[in-house]
């Protein structure tokens, strides 16, 4: 299995031998800048270029759920904190590093680096 994101659409590719099948998983209508799997591959974080971070559960084939949103600055990257997949860490373009509780989107901690961040 392989995932890709194009123009805000999450696609699943099931590849076997020389054949493949493409399936539309979610349409979040915002360009996706990165995809990150949880350590046990249960969840997929979708970081968008416009700010919000979404979660997608490949095994349940449901809709992507908006987890985090920011008003002051766009998320640049996010990743799961291990062990487990209850928490994630994110960084915004304005240099804010945040730790989030993913079940309800609560920001638990924040550190301002005092500089803009670029990849």
Protein backbone atom coordinates (compact mmCIF):
# COMPACT_ATOMS: atom_id res chain seq x y z
CA UNK A 1 0.00 0.00 0.00
CA UNK A 2 1.14 3.50 -0.74
CA UNK A 3 -0.44 6.92 -0.12
CA UNK A 4 -0.07 10.16 -2.02
CA UNK A 5 -1.58 13.62 -1.70
CA UNK A 6 -2.39 15.84 -4.67
CA UNK A 7 -4.31 19.11 -4.52
CA UNK A 8 -5.88 18.27 -1.14
CA UNK A 9 -6.88 14.75 -2.13
CA UNK A 10 -5.48 11.74 -0.26
CA UNK A 11 -5.07 8.73 -2.56
CA UNK A 12 -4.35 5.10 -1.72
CA UNK A 13 -2.49 2.89 -4.16
CA UNK A 14 -2.75 -0.87 -3.69
CA UNK A 15 0.14 -2.32 -5.70
CA UNK A 16 0.46 -6.03 -6.53
CA UNK A 17 2.92 -7.32 -9.11
CA UNK A 18 2.50 -5.10 -12.18
CA UNK A 19 -1.08 -4.08 -11.34
CA UNK A 20 -2.27 -1.24 -9.13
CA UNK A 21 -5.59 0.07 -7.89
CA UNK A 22 -6.11 3.71 -6.94
CA UNK A 23 -8.73 4.74 -4.36
CA UNK A 24 -9.80 8.21 -3.22
CA UNK A 25 -9.57 8.25 0.59
CA UNK A 26 -10.28 11.85 1.57
CA UNK A 27 -10.72 15.28 0.02
CA UNK A 28 -9.81 18.07 2.42
CA UNK A 29 -9.84 20.77 -0.27
CA UNK A 30 -6.50 22.23 0.85
CA UNK A 31 -3.02 21.45 -0.50
CA UNK A 32 -1.30 18.83 1.69
CA UNK A 33 2.34 19.57 2.48
CA UNK A 34 3.25 16.35 4.31
CA UNK A 35 1.99 12.92 5.38
CA UNK A 36 3.21 11.24 8.57
CA UNK A 37 2.27 7.75 9.81
CA UNK A 38 1.92 6.97 13.51
CA UNK A 39 4.55 4.50 14.80
CA UNK A 40 2.14 1.55 14.49
CA UNK A 41 0.68 2.76 11.15
CA UNK A 42 -2.82 3.16 12.63
CA UNK A 43 -3.16 6.89 11.90
CA UNK A 44 -1.92 9.22 9.20
CA UNK A 45 -1.36 12.93 9.92
CA UNK A 46 -2.02 15.26 6.99
CA UNK A 47 -0.33 18.66 7.34
CA UNK A 48 -1.80 21.29 5.02
CA UNK A 49 -0.15 24.34 3.51
CA UNK A 50 -2.90 26.61 4.86
CA UNK A 51 -2.65 25.60 8.52
CA UNK A 52 -4.89 22.78 9.71
CA UNK A 53 -3.65 19.27 10.54
CA UNK A 54 -5.95 16.33 9.81
CA UNK A 55 -5.99 12.68 10.95
CA UNK A 56 -6.94 9.74 8.75
CA UNK A 57 -7.39 6.11 9.81
CA UNK A 58 -6.60 3.88 6.79
CA UNK A 59 -8.23 0.80 8.36
CA UNK A 60 -11.58 2.57 8.78
CA UNK A 61 -11.70 4.32 5.39
CA UNK A 62 -13.65 7.25 6.82
CA UNK A 63 -13.25 10.96 6.36
CA UNK A 64 -10.16 12.88 7.41
CA UNK A 65 -10.80 14.61 10.76
CA UNK A 66 -9.48 18.10 11.49
CA UNK A 67 -7.34 17.82 14.62
CA UNK A 68 -5.50 21.09 14.90
CA UNK A 69 -5.92 24.57 13.52
CA UNK A 70 -3.97 27.75 13.98
CA UNK A 71 -4.88 31.37 13.43
CA UNK A 72 -1.55 33.08 13.95
CA UNK A 73 0.65 31.02 11.65
CA UNK A 74 0.56 27.96 9.41
CA UNK A 75 1.78 24.57 10.55
CA UNK A 76 4.99 23.69 8.77
CA UNK A 77 5.32 20.12 10.03
CA UNK A 78 3.85 17.72 12.58
CA UNK A 79 4.80 14.29 13.85
CA UNK A 80 3.64 11.80 16.46
CA UNK A 81 5.36 11.66 19.85
CA UNK A 82 6.20 8.08 20.67
CA UNK A 83 5.33 5.73 22.22
CA UNK A 84 1.74 5.59 20.98
CA UNK A 85 -0.28 8.07 18.99
CA UNK A 86 -2.04 10.17 21.63
CA UNK A 87 0.28 13.17 21.26
CA UNK A 88 1.96 15.04 18.45
CA UNK A 89 4.45 17.86 18.13
CA UNK A 90 4.13 20.60 15.54
CA UNK A 91 6.08 23.61 14.38
CA UNK A 92 4.61 26.71 12.75
CA UNK A 93 6.24 29.03 10.24
CA UNK A 94 6.45 31.70 12.97
CA UNK A 95 8.63 29.39 15.10
CA UNK A 96 6.14 28.04 17.64
CA UNK A 97 6.80 24.43 18.70
CA UNK A 98 3.67 22.90 20.23
CA UNK A 99 2.71 19.59 21.86
CA UNK A 100 -0.90 18.50 21.27
CA UNK A 101 -3.24 15.92 22.81
CA UNK A 102 -4.83 14.43 19.70
CA UNK A 103 -8.06 13.11 21.22
CA UNK A 104 -9.48 16.61 21.69
CA UNK A 105 -6.93 18.92 20.02
CA UNK A 106 -5.75 20.49 23.30
CA UNK A 107 -2.43 22.32 23.14
CA UNK A 108 -0.46 21.04 26.15
CA UNK A 109 2.74 23.00 25.76
CA UNK A 110 4.24 25.68 23.54
CA UNK A 111 7.73 27.04 23.02
CA UNK A 112 8.42 30.07 20.84
CA UNK A 113 11.79 29.78 19.09
CA UNK A 114 11.83 33.52 18.38
CA UNK A 115 12.58 33.04 14.69
CA UNK A 116 10.76 32.06 11.51
CA UNK A 117 11.10 28.42 10.49
CA UNK A 118 11.58 27.19 6.91
CA UNK A 119 12.09 23.77 5.41
